[in-house]
Amino acid sequence: MAKVSAKTREELVQAVGERYRDAESRAKGRILDEFVQLTGFHRKHAIRVLNAQRCVRARVVVPRSRLYEEGTRQALVVLWEASDRVCGKRLKPLLPVLLPALERHGHLKLDDNVRARVLAASASTIDRVLAEPRAGAKGRKPRRRKPAVRGSVPIRTFADWNEPLPGYLEIDLVAHCGDNAAGSFAHTLTLTDIASGWTESVALLVREGALVVEAVDRIRRELPFAIRGLDSDNGGEFVNDDMVRYCNANSIEFTRSRPYRKNDQAWVEQKNGAVVRRLVGYGRFEGITATEALMRLYSASRLFVNFFQPSFKLAAKTREGARIRKRYHAPAAPCARLLASESLSDAMKDRLRAVLATLDPLRLLDEIRAVQHHLAGLAAGAVVHVLPHRDADLKSLATAWREGDARPTHRKGPKPARHWRTREDPLKEVWPRVVTWLAAEPDRTAKELLERLRSENAAITVGQLRTLQRRIKEWRGIMARRLLFASEKSLGGLGREAISGNAPRELEVPTAASPAR
C-alpha cells in the first residue's frame, strides 16, 4: 500500500468524518472499511478519529534563534569587501585563506567565537547575511520579471528547421519610426515561409498583440498552404496569452527564438530588408492615411514578390579552415517552389497557375511605384494623394535608369549648387598676368606658363599645375564662345552685346576674384 502523507490523511478525515458521523450503523461499517484500507489506521483508532469533532489548532510560529549576531555579520561584510565582492559560493572556500592573511597583516582581529562562526558559515548563510549590503552596493534597478507565458513557449534556433514542409513561418515586426522612436507610428508584420520563401506583409496602425493575432488570422485564410508552425521573437506582441490560445485552437506549433539572437530568425530578417525596407524605405509613417497606403502597397507587392521575384535558397554550408563555402539552389520565385513541392495539393497548384496566368508584372510594378510616390510625400510631410492608375509604358523602362533610383521612397534630394571656395585661390595674384600672356600667345601650354610664373614668383609650386590647367581650359572655352557669338551679329544682335562687354555672365572671362568651378 502506498504511503499517505499527513496532509492527505487530514483531508480524508475531514471529508469522511462528517459522512461517517451522519451515516447509519450498516453504512458506517462500509465507510470504516474504506477509510482503514486507505490510511492504514488501526480500526479502533480510525473509529476514534472519525467520531472526533475536528478542532482547528492555531499554528504557533516559533521564531528562529539568530545564530549569527551583528559582530559575525560585520566580519563577513569586511571579508566580502576584501574579496572584491564575490558571491557566497566563492567566498566560502576563500575564508580559510583570506581571514588569516588579514589577521597576519593587522587589518582584522576577531574574537575566537566570532572567528569560529565565520569559518563555519555555509555558502547559503553567507549569501543571506550579505543580501542587504549587496543590494545596496549594486544600485541597479530590479530586474524586470519575465512574463509567465514565455515559459510555455518552446525555443527554436536557426539550426532546428531541417528542411521543413511549406507552412512553417517566421514572423517579425518592422517599425516605421524614422529617426525618432517616440510616439505612435505604423508597423509592418512580415511572415516568411521557410521552405518556399513565400512572404506576406500587413500594415499595423499600432503595435498591439490583439492586432497581430487578427493579422495572422487574415493571412492564414489567404495563404496557398496551411500554417503548420509560427516562430517569433520574444516581444510581448507575439508571446502573449492571445497568441498562445490562437495557435492551440488552430493546431499551430508556436515557438520563439533565443533572446537577443537575431540569427535565429534569419529568414524573416532577410525579408525585412529585401522586401519591406526595399519597398518602404526608412521614413516615418504614422496615422490611418499612411497605414492605408502601406496596405495598398503590400496588396500589389505580395503578388509581384511571390510570383515574379526569384530568390536564392541555401542548399549546404561547409567550413574549410577559416573559410565558409555556401552552395545555393537555383534561383526560383516562391510560387515556383510551391509548384515543385509534393506537399501541395494539385487543386492548389492549379489555382496558383491560374493566378499567375492573369497577372501583369508591369502593371503591378506601376502600382507599386505610384504608392511609393505617395509614401515618399507622406514621409516628407507633404499633402499628396495616391496617383491614379496609369497604363504602364514599356518604352519608359528602357531609359528609367537615367533618372537614378526608380523607388520614390529612396530618392535623395538634389544637391545645392556650389558657389563658394573651400580654400584660398592660389592664383589670385598672378592670374591677371597669365591672362595677358594668353592674350598675346594663346597657344602657350599651362606647363610653359607655370614655369614662367615660377621664374618670377617663388610662391608658385609645381603642385598648382592642375589648377592652372583647369583655369586655362575654362578661359579658352569662354573665349571660344565669345568668338562664336561675335560672328552671329545678324541673329538678334547677340554678337554686338558680347563685343561691347554686355555679355551674359557665363561669357565673362574669369578673374582672380571669381570663384573656381
Protein backbone atom coordinates (compact mmCIF):
# COMPACT_ATOMS: atom_id res chain seq x y z
CA MET A 1 0.00 0.00 0.00
CA ALA A 2 1.34 3.40 -0.93
CA LYS A 3 2.28 5.70 1.94
CA VAL A 4 -0.21 8.54 2.52
CA SER A 5 1.09 11.91 3.60
CA ALA A 6 -0.07 13.60 6.76
CA LYS A 7 -1.77 16.36 4.81
CA THR A 8 -3.69 13.81 2.75
CA ARG A 9 -4.77 11.92 5.90
CA GLU A 10 -6.04 15.16 7.42
CA GLU A 11 -8.07 15.89 4.30
CA LEU A 12 -9.50 12.35 4.34
CA VAL A 13 -10.52 12.65 7.98
CA GLN A 14 -12.25 15.97 7.26
CA ALA A 15 -14.04 14.63 4.17
CA VAL A 16 -15.03 11.17 5.51
CA GLY A 17 -15.64 12.10 9.17
CA GLU A 18 -18.77 14.14 8.60
CA ARG A 19 -20.26 11.46 6.31
CA TYR A 20 -19.34 8.74 8.85
CA ARG A 21 -20.99 10.51 11.78
CA ASP A 22 -24.25 11.07 9.86
CA ALA A 23 -24.47 7.54 8.41
CA GLU A 24 -26.45 4.57 9.74
CA SER A 25 -24.81 1.64 11.52
CA ARG A 26 -24.52 -0.60 8.44
CA ALA A 27 -23.23 2.25 6.25
CA LYS A 28 -20.69 3.19 8.93
CA GLY A 29 -19.12 -0.25 8.56
CA ARG A 30 -18.55 0.16 4.84
CA ILE A 31 -17.15 3.70 5.26
CA LEU A 32 -14.83 2.49 8.02
CA ASP A 33 -13.54 -0.38 5.86
CA GLU A 34 -12.67 2.01 3.03
CA PHE A 35 -11.04 4.51 5.40
CA VAL A 36 -8.87 1.84 7.08
CA GLN A 37 -7.78 0.50 3.72
CA LEU A 38 -6.77 3.99 2.51
CA THR A 39 -4.99 5.26 5.62
CA GLY A 40 -3.65 2.05 7.15
CA PHE A 41 -5.02 3.07 10.58
CA HIS A 42 -5.98 0.51 13.24
CA ARG A 43 -9.75 0.01 13.19
CA LYS A 44 -10.29 1.31 16.74
CA HIS A 45 -8.06 4.32 16.10
CA ALA A 46 -9.96 5.05 12.89
CA ILE A 47 -13.28 5.00 14.81
CA ARG A 48 -11.94 7.46 17.38
CA VAL A 49 -10.58 9.76 14.66
CA LEU A 50 -13.78 9.76 12.60
CA ASN A 51 -16.03 10.30 15.63
CA ALA A 52 -13.95 13.17 16.99
CA GLN A 53 -15.02 16.73 16.10
CA ARG A 54 -12.31 18.50 14.13
CA CYS A 55 -10.75 21.30 16.08
CA VAL A 56 -8.67 23.89 14.39
CA ARG A 57 -5.46 24.47 16.29
CA ALA A 58 -3.76 27.79 15.92
CA ARG A 59 -0.39 27.47 14.35
CA VAL A 60 2.27 28.66 16.67
CA VAL A 61 5.24 30.15 14.88
CA VAL A 62 8.35 29.80 16.95
CA PRO A 63 10.88 32.46 15.94
CA ARG A 64 14.17 31.04 14.85
CA SER A 65 17.02 31.90 17.11
CA ARG A 66 19.64 34.08 15.48
CA LEU A 67 22.93 32.23 15.42
CA TYR A 68 25.00 34.91 13.68
CA GLU A 69 24.89 38.16 15.63
CA GLU A 70 25.90 41.62 14.49
CA GLY A 71 29.62 41.01 15.04
CA THR A 72 29.62 38.00 12.71
CA ARG A 73 27.67 39.96 10.11
CA GLN A 74 30.12 42.87 10.21
CA ALA A 75 33.06 40.47 9.90
CA LEU A 76 31.51 38.82 6.84
CA VAL A 77 30.87 42.22 5.25
CA VAL A 78 34.54 43.17 5.73
CA LEU A 79 35.71 39.86 4.28
CA TRP A 80 33.27 40.22 1.36
CA GLU A 81 34.64 43.68 0.53
CA ALA A 82 38.24 42.40 0.84
CA SER A 83 37.44 39.62 -1.66
CA ASP A 84 36.17 42.19 -4.22
CA ARG A 85 32.54 41.28 -3.50
CA VAL A 86 32.48 37.68 -4.71
CA CYS A 87 29.40 35.52 -4.15
CA GLY A 88 28.90 33.28 -1.15
CA LYS A 89 29.81 30.09 -3.00
CA ARG A 90 33.20 31.59 -3.93
CA LEU A 91 33.73 33.34 -0.59
CA LYS A 92 33.21 30.17 1.49
CA PRO A 93 36.38 28.33 0.26
CA LEU A 94 38.31 31.63 0.36
CA LEU A 95 37.66 32.35 4.06
CA PRO A 96 40.33 29.95 5.47
CA VAL A 97 42.92 31.73 3.32
CA LEU A 98 41.64 35.31 3.39
CA LEU A 99 40.92 35.59 7.13
CA PRO A 100 44.43 34.55 8.33
CA ALA A 101 46.00 36.84 5.72
CA LEU A 102 44.04 39.87 7.01
CA GLU A 103 44.86 38.98 10.61
CA ARG A 104 48.52 38.45 9.85
CA HIS A 105 48.88 41.94 8.37
CA GLY A 106 46.90 43.62 11.15
CA HIS A 107 43.83 44.51 9.07
CA LEU A 108 41.37 42.41 11.10
CA LYS A 109 41.20 40.96 14.60
CA LEU A 110 38.26 38.76 15.53
CA ASP A 111 37.09 37.17 18.74
CA ASP A 112 37.51 33.42 18.88
CA ASN A 113 33.74 32.79 18.92
CA VAL A 114 33.15 35.17 16.01
CA ARG A 115 36.06 33.68 14.11
CA ALA A 116 34.69 30.15 14.56
CA ARG A 117 31.22 31.18 13.42
CA VAL A 118 32.57 32.98 10.35
CA LEU A 119 34.54 29.91 9.29
CA ALA A 120 31.59 27.60 10.00
CA ALA A 121 29.06 29.64 7.98
CA SER A 122 27.78 27.91 4.86
CA ALA A 123 27.63 29.49 1.43
CA SER A 124 23.84 29.94 1.71
CA THR A 125 24.18 31.59 5.11
CA ILE A 126 26.84 33.95 3.77
CA ASP A 127 24.52 34.96 0.91
CA ARG A 128 21.63 35.58 3.33
CA VAL A 129 23.78 37.68 5.67
CA LEU A 130 25.19 39.70 2.75
CA ALA A 131 21.84 40.17 0.96
CA GLU A 132 21.24 43.65 2.38
CA PRO A 133 24.73 45.14 1.75
CA ARG A 134 24.87 43.52 -1.68
CA ALA A 135 21.53 45.07 -2.69
CA GLY A 136 22.68 48.49 -1.51
CA ALA A 137 26.04 48.22 -3.26
CA LYS A 138 24.62 47.31 -6.66
CA GLY A 139 22.46 50.40 -7.03
CA ARG A 140 20.73 48.87 -10.04
CA LYS A 141 17.10 48.76 -10.89
CA PRO A 142 15.38 45.48 -10.03
CA ARG A 143 15.39 43.01 -12.86
CA ARG A 144 12.17 43.02 -14.82
CA ARG A 145 10.20 39.85 -14.29
CA LYS A 146 9.63 37.73 -17.34
CA PRO A 147 6.00 37.02 -18.25
CA ALA A 148 4.84 33.57 -17.17
CA VAL A 149 3.55 32.76 -20.67
CA ARG A 150 7.10 32.85 -22.03
CA GLY A 151 7.93 29.66 -20.18
CA SER A 152 5.18 27.79 -22.01
CA VAL A 153 6.54 28.65 -25.48
CA PRO A 154 9.48 26.44 -26.52
CA ILE A 155 12.63 27.84 -28.12
CA ARG A 156 13.66 27.03 -31.69
CA THR A 157 17.06 28.03 -33.09
CA PHE A 158 18.12 28.55 -36.71
CA ALA A 159 19.61 25.03 -36.78
CA ASP A 160 16.36 23.27 -35.78
CA TRP A 161 14.39 23.64 -39.04
CA ASN A 162 15.89 20.75 -41.05
CA GLU A 163 14.11 21.36 -44.39
CA PRO A 164 10.51 21.74 -43.16
CA LEU A 165 7.40 21.42 -45.30
CA PRO A 166 5.63 24.58 -46.55
CA GLY A 167 3.64 26.10 -43.71
CA TYR A 168 6.33 26.78 -41.11
CA LEU A 169 6.68 30.56 -40.97
CA GLU A 170 8.82 33.10 -39.16
CA ILE A 171 7.09 36.34 -38.12
CA ASP A 172 8.52 39.71 -37.17
CA LEU A 173 7.60 43.39 -36.94
CA VAL A 174 9.28 46.26 -38.81
CA ALA A 175 8.95 49.69 -37.19
CA HIS A 176 8.39 52.71 -39.43
CA CYS A 177 9.55 55.28 -36.88
CA GLY A 178 12.17 57.08 -38.95
CA ASP A 179 14.89 58.64 -36.80
CA ASN A 180 12.67 59.04 -33.73
CA ALA A 181 11.17 56.09 -31.85
CA ALA A 182 8.93 58.31 -29.69
CA GLY A 183 5.17 58.39 -30.09
CA SER A 184 2.90 56.16 -32.12
CA PHE A 185 3.82 55.00 -35.61
CA ALA A 186 2.94 52.28 -38.09
CA HIS A 187 4.45 48.79 -38.16
CA THR A 188 4.65 46.07 -40.77
CA LEU A 189 4.02 42.46 -39.81
CA THR A 190 6.15 40.18 -42.02
CA LEU A 191 5.61 36.42 -42.37
CA THR A 192 8.07 34.28 -44.35
CA ASP A 193 7.72 30.61 -45.22
CA ILE A 194 10.96 28.72 -44.56
CA ALA A 195 10.52 26.16 -47.35
CA SER A 196 9.40 28.35 -50.27
CA GLY A 197 10.26 31.91 -49.24
CA TRP A 198 6.63 33.00 -49.70
CA THR A 199 6.35 36.38 -47.94
CA GLU A 200 3.29 38.22 -46.69
CA SER A 201 3.25 41.74 -45.22
CA VAL A 202 0.48 43.51 -43.32
CA ALA A 203 0.49 47.11 -42.10
CA LEU A 204 -0.49 47.69 -38.46
CA LEU A 205 -1.63 51.05 -37.14
CA VAL A 206 -0.07 50.39 -33.72
CA ARG A 207 2.00 47.67 -32.09
CA GLU A 208 -0.51 45.53 -30.22
CA GLY A 209 -0.85 41.81 -29.60
CA ALA A 210 -4.56 41.65 -30.48
CA LEU A 211 -3.91 43.28 -33.88
CA VAL A 212 -1.09 40.81 -34.55
CA VAL A 213 -3.44 37.87 -33.92
CA GLU A 214 -6.08 39.36 -36.24
CA ALA A 215 -3.48 39.95 -38.96
CA VAL A 216 -2.15 36.39 -38.68
CA ASP A 217 -5.70 35.02 -38.92
CA ARG A 218 -6.36 37.12 -42.03
CA ILE A 219 -3.15 35.97 -43.69
CA ARG A 220 -3.85 32.33 -42.76
CA ARG A 221 -7.03 32.44 -44.86
CA GLU A 222 -5.20 33.85 -47.90
CA LEU A 223 -2.12 31.61 -47.96
CA PRO A 224 -1.90 28.81 -50.54
CA PHE A 225 -0.90 26.37 -47.79
CA ALA A 226 -1.94 25.66 -44.21
CA ILE A 227 0.10 27.19 -41.39
CA ARG A 228 1.85 24.41 -39.53
CA GLY A 229 4.05 26.49 -37.25
CA LEU A 230 4.91 30.07 -36.26
CA ASP A 231 8.25 31.21 -34.90
CA SER A 232 8.63 34.69 -33.41
CA ASP A 233 11.00 36.70 -31.27
CA ASN A 234 10.39 37.33 -27.56
CA GLY A 235 8.38 40.55 -27.97
CA GLY A 236 5.20 40.91 -25.96
CA GLU A 237 3.19 41.49 -29.14
CA PHE A 238 3.91 37.86 -30.09
CA VAL A 239 4.48 35.93 -26.86
CA ASN A 240 1.19 36.51 -25.06
CA ASP A 241 -1.88 34.58 -23.99
CA ASP A 242 -3.90 35.61 -27.06
CA MET A 243 -1.34 34.21 -29.49
CA VAL A 244 -0.88 31.00 -27.49
CA ARG A 245 -4.64 30.39 -27.40
CA TYR A 246 -4.97 31.13 -31.12
CA CYS A 247 -2.19 28.69 -32.05
CA ASN A 248 -3.59 25.97 -29.78
CA ALA A 249 -7.09 26.41 -31.22
CA ASN A 250 -5.83 26.11 -34.81
CA SER A 251 -3.25 23.32 -34.23
CA ILE A 252 -0.31 25.62 -34.98
CA GLU A 253 3.07 24.89 -33.42
CA PHE A 254 4.19 28.12 -31.74
CA THR A 255 7.89 28.62 -30.93
CA ARG A 256 10.18 31.55 -30.17
CA SER A 257 13.82 32.42 -30.79
CA ARG A 258 16.51 32.89 -28.17
CA PRO A 259 16.61 36.39 -26.65
CA TYR A 260 18.99 38.78 -28.44
CA ARG A 261 19.79 36.18 -31.14
CA LYS A 262 18.51 37.67 -34.40
CA ASN A 263 20.17 34.92 -36.41
CA ASP A 264 17.55 32.50 -35.07
CA GLN A 265 15.12 34.37 -37.36
CA ALA A 266 17.46 34.76 -40.30
CA TRP A 267 14.79 34.09 -42.95
CA VAL A 268 12.32 36.77 -41.91
CA GLU A 269 15.10 39.24 -41.03
CA GLN A 270 16.39 38.91 -44.61
CA LYS A 271 12.90 39.59 -46.00
CA ASN A 272 12.56 42.62 -43.71
CA GLY A 273 15.38 44.23 -45.68
CA ALA A 274 14.86 42.72 -49.14
CA VAL A 275 11.09 43.32 -49.25
CA VAL A 276 9.83 45.77 -46.62
CA ARG A 277 12.75 48.18 -46.40
CA ARG A 278 13.38 47.97 -50.13
CA LEU A 279 9.78 48.95 -50.83
CA VAL A 280 9.06 51.38 -48.00
CA GLY A 281 12.44 52.76 -47.00
CA TYR A 282 13.32 54.17 -43.58
CA GLY A 283 10.93 57.13 -43.30
CA ARG A 284 8.42 57.71 -40.52
CA PHE A 285 4.80 56.77 -41.19
CA GLU A 286 2.01 57.33 -38.70
CA GLY A 287 -1.73 57.62 -38.78
CA ILE A 288 -4.53 55.97 -40.73
CA THR A 289 -3.59 57.55 -44.07
CA ALA A 290 -0.08 56.11 -44.03
CA THR A 291 -1.33 52.70 -42.87
CA GLU A 292 -3.87 52.54 -45.70
CA ALA A 293 -1.16 53.46 -48.21
CA LEU A 294 1.06 50.68 -46.84
CA MET A 295 -1.78 48.19 -47.16
CA ARG A 296 -2.31 49.18 -50.80
CA LEU A 297 1.41 48.84 -51.43
CA TYR A 298 1.52 45.34 -49.92
CA SER A 299 -1.54 44.23 -51.90
CA ALA A 300 0.43 44.74 -55.11
CA SER A 301 3.88 43.79 -53.82
CA ARG A 302 2.77 40.38 -52.44
CA LEU A 303 1.87 39.28 -55.98
CA PHE A 304 4.93 40.83 -57.56
CA VAL A 305 7.36 39.39 -54.99
CA ASN A 306 5.86 35.91 -54.69
CA PHE A 307 5.28 35.34 -58.42
CA PHE A 308 7.95 37.40 -60.23
CA GLN A 309 10.91 37.78 -57.85
CA PRO A 310 13.29 34.78 -57.83
CA SER A 311 15.36 34.37 -54.68
CA PHE A 312 18.26 32.21 -53.58
CA LYS A 313 17.91 29.40 -51.06
CA LEU A 314 20.84 27.91 -49.18
CA ALA A 315 21.48 24.27 -50.03
CA ALA A 316 24.61 23.48 -47.99
CA LYS A 317 27.28 25.21 -45.94
CA THR A 318 30.71 23.74 -45.22
CA ARG A 319 33.66 25.12 -43.29
CA GLU A 320 37.16 24.77 -44.68
CA GLY A 321 39.57 26.21 -42.16
CA ALA A 322 38.71 29.87 -41.75
CA ARG A 323 36.52 29.96 -44.86
CA ILE A 324 32.86 29.05 -45.16
CA ARG A 325 31.62 27.80 -48.51
CA LYS A 326 27.92 28.15 -49.27
CA ARG A 327 26.09 26.35 -52.03
CA TYR A 328 22.68 27.58 -53.19
CA HIS A 329 19.80 26.08 -55.11
CA ALA A 330 18.97 27.62 -58.49
CA PRO A 331 17.09 30.93 -58.05
CA ALA A 332 13.32 30.47 -58.16
CA ALA A 333 10.27 32.52 -57.23
CA PRO A 334 8.27 31.37 -54.16
CA CYS A 335 5.38 30.36 -56.42
CA ALA A 336 7.69 28.15 -58.49
CA ARG A 337 8.97 26.44 -55.35
CA LEU A 338 5.41 25.73 -54.21
CA LEU A 339 4.52 24.29 -57.63
CA ALA A 340 7.53 21.97 -57.34
CA SER A 341 6.62 20.87 -53.81
CA GLU A 342 5.00 17.46 -53.35
CA SER A 343 3.17 18.54 -50.19
CA LEU A 344 0.88 20.95 -52.06
CA SER A 345 -2.33 19.57 -53.49
CA ASP A 346 -2.96 19.51 -57.23
CA ALA A 347 -6.03 21.72 -56.81
CA MET A 348 -4.00 24.43 -55.10
CA LYS A 349 -1.28 24.17 -57.76
CA ASP A 350 -3.93 24.68 -60.45
CA ARG A 351 -5.17 27.78 -58.61
CA LEU A 352 -1.62 29.19 -58.45
CA ARG A 353 -1.12 28.60 -62.17
CA ALA A 354 -4.45 30.31 -62.92
CA VAL A 355 -3.47 33.37 -60.84
CA LEU A 356 -0.05 33.51 -62.50
CA ALA A 357 -1.67 33.49 -65.94
CA THR A 358 -3.74 36.57 -65.12
CA LEU A 359 -1.01 38.73 -63.56
CA ASP A 360 0.63 41.59 -65.47
CA PRO A 361 4.05 42.26 -63.82
CA LEU A 362 4.38 45.68 -65.44
CA ARG A 363 1.00 46.80 -64.11
CA LEU A 364 1.91 45.55 -60.62
CA LEU A 365 5.21 47.42 -60.72
CA ASP A 366 3.43 50.57 -61.88
CA GLU A 367 1.03 50.31 -58.94
CA ILE A 368 3.97 49.85 -56.54
CA ARG A 369 5.73 52.96 -57.90
CA ALA A 370 2.54 55.03 -57.62
CA VAL A 371 2.04 54.15 -53.95
CA GLN A 372 5.75 54.66 -53.25
CA HIS A 373 5.40 58.19 -54.61
CA HIS A 374 2.54 58.76 -52.17
CA LEU A 375 4.54 57.33 -49.22
CA ALA A 376 7.57 59.47 -50.08
CA GLY A 377 5.35 62.56 -49.87
CA LEU A 378 3.91 61.44 -46.52
CA ALA A 379 7.39 60.86 -45.09
CA ALA A 380 8.46 64.33 -46.26
CA GLY A 381 5.39 65.94 -44.67
CA ALA A 382 3.72 66.91 -47.96
CA VAL A 383 -0.02 66.54 -48.54
CA VAL A 384 -0.18 64.26 -51.56
CA HIS A 385 -2.71 61.84 -52.96
CA VAL A 386 -2.21 58.39 -54.43
CA LEU A 387 -1.67 58.68 -58.13
CA PRO A 388 -4.50 57.19 -60.20
CA HIS A 389 -3.74 54.06 -62.15
CA ARG A 390 -2.00 54.74 -65.42
CA ASP A 391 -1.08 52.42 -68.25
CA ALA A 392 2.48 51.20 -67.85
CA ASP A 393 4.73 52.09 -70.75
CA LEU A 394 7.44 49.67 -71.80
CA LYS A 395 9.31 52.46 -73.58
CA SER A 396 9.92 54.30 -70.30
CA LEU A 397 11.61 51.23 -68.79
CA ALA A 398 14.43 51.44 -71.32
CA THR A 399 15.52 54.86 -70.04
CA ALA A 400 14.34 54.71 -66.42
CA TRP A 401 17.89 54.04 -65.20
CA ARG A 402 18.92 57.54 -66.28
CA GLU A 403 16.72 59.06 -63.54
CA GLY A 404 18.54 57.26 -60.74
CA ASP A 405 16.68 55.17 -58.18
CA ALA A 406 13.25 54.24 -59.53
CA ARG A 407 11.81 53.95 -56.00
CA PRO A 408 10.45 57.33 -54.85
CA THR A 409 10.88 56.27 -51.21
CA HIS A 410 14.66 56.01 -51.71
CA ARG A 411 15.37 59.06 -53.85
CA LYS A 412 17.65 61.72 -52.43
CA GLY A 413 17.03 65.41 -52.89
CA PRO A 414 19.17 67.42 -55.34
CA LYS A 415 22.43 68.79 -54.01
CA PRO A 416 22.65 72.61 -53.80
CA ALA A 417 24.81 74.33 -56.39
CA ARG A 418 28.27 75.08 -55.08
CA HIS A 419 29.23 78.73 -55.21
CA TRP A 420 31.99 79.00 -52.65
CA ARG A 421 35.62 78.08 -52.24
CA THR A 422 36.95 75.79 -49.54
CA ARG A 423 40.46 77.29 -49.66
CA GLU A 424 42.11 80.48 -50.84
CA ASP A 425 42.72 80.84 -54.58
CA PRO A 426 46.48 80.19 -55.14
CA LEU A 427 46.42 82.08 -58.48
CA LYS A 428 44.59 85.15 -57.19
CA GLU A 429 47.60 87.48 -57.50
CA VAL A 430 49.11 86.13 -60.74
CA TRP A 431 46.01 85.34 -62.82
CA PRO A 432 45.74 88.81 -64.49
CA ARG A 433 49.32 88.40 -65.70
CA VAL A 434 48.54 84.93 -67.07
CA VAL A 435 45.54 86.37 -68.97
CA THR A 436 47.86 88.94 -70.54
CA TRP A 437 50.25 86.22 -71.65
CA LEU A 438 47.39 84.11 -73.07
CA ALA A 439 46.02 87.09 -75.00
CA ALA A 440 49.43 87.60 -76.59
CA GLU A 441 50.24 83.89 -77.12
CA PRO A 442 47.06 81.76 -76.97
CA ASP A 443 48.91 78.57 -77.94
CA ARG A 444 51.06 78.51 -74.82
CA THR A 445 50.56 75.39 -72.67
CA ALA A 446 49.82 75.50 -68.97
CA LYS A 447 53.12 73.83 -68.17
CA GLU A 448 55.09 76.51 -70.05
CA LEU A 449 53.14 79.28 -68.32
CA LEU A 450 53.71 77.65 -64.92
CA GLU A 451 57.48 77.57 -65.48
CA ARG A 452 57.35 81.24 -66.44
CA LEU A 453 55.41 82.06 -63.29
CA ARG A 454 57.81 80.11 -61.09
CA SER A 455 60.75 82.04 -62.53
CA GLU A 456 59.08 85.32 -61.48
CA ASN A 457 57.28 84.24 -58.27
CA ALA A 458 58.83 81.80 -55.79
CA ALA A 459 55.44 81.21 -54.09
CA ILE A 460 54.14 79.25 -57.11
CA THR A 461 54.78 75.48 -56.82
CA VAL A 462 54.65 72.51 -59.19
CA GLY A 463 51.57 71.20 -57.36
CA GLN A 464 49.49 74.06 -58.78
CA LEU A 465 49.81 72.82 -62.36
CA ARG A 466 46.41 71.07 -62.36
CA THR A 467 44.68 74.21 -61.02
CA LEU A 468 46.30 76.31 -63.75
CA GLN A 469 45.28 73.79 -66.41
CA ARG A 470 41.60 73.90 -65.33
CA ARG A 471 41.66 77.72 -65.25
CA ILE A 472 43.20 77.99 -68.72
CA LYS A 473 40.75 75.44 -70.14
CA GLU A 474 37.82 77.44 -68.75
CA TRP A 475 39.27 80.70 -70.17
CA ARG A 476 39.69 79.20 -73.63
CA GLY A 477 36.15 77.82 -73.61
CA ILE A 478 34.70 81.21 -72.73
CA MET A 479 36.83 82.93 -75.40
CA ALA A 480 35.67 80.37 -77.98
CA ARG A 481 32.00 81.06 -77.14
CA ARG A 482 32.66 84.81 -77.32
CA LEU A 483 34.11 84.47 -80.81
CA LEU A 484 31.15 82.28 -81.79
CA PHE A 485 28.57 84.82 -80.64
CA ALA A 486 30.56 87.68 -82.16
CA SER A 487 30.30 86.01 -85.59
CA GLU A 488 26.45 85.86 -85.30
CA LYS A 489 25.72 89.58 -85.46
CA SER A 490 22.69 89.01 -87.68
CA LEU A 491 20.95 86.81 -85.04
CA GLY A 492 19.33 89.31 -82.69
CA GLY A 493 22.40 91.43 -82.04
CA LEU A 494 23.84 88.99 -79.50
CA GLY A 495 27.26 89.24 -81.08
CA ARG A 496 27.28 93.04 -80.64
CA GLU A 497 26.38 92.68 -76.95
CA ALA A 498 29.23 90.26 -76.41
CA ILE A 499 31.74 92.52 -78.16
CA SER A 500 30.57 95.65 -76.34
CA GLY A 501 31.11 93.96 -72.97
CA ASN A 502 27.41 93.42 -72.09
CA ALA A 503 27.73 89.68 -72.42
CA PRO A 504 25.81 87.25 -70.20
CA ARG A 505 27.50 86.12 -67.02
CA GLU A 506 28.56 82.77 -68.41
CA LEU A 507 30.55 84.58 -71.17
CA GLU A 508 32.58 86.72 -68.80
CA VAL A 509 36.27 85.95 -68.61
CA PRO A 510 37.06 84.62 -65.13
CA THR A 511 39.11 86.90 -62.96
CA ALA A 512 41.11 86.24 -59.89
CA ALA A 513 38.14 87.21 -57.71
CA SER A 514 35.67 84.85 -59.40
CA PRO A 515 35.11 81.53 -57.61
CA ALA A 516 36.59 78.33 -59.03
CA ARG A 517 34.21 75.82 -60.51
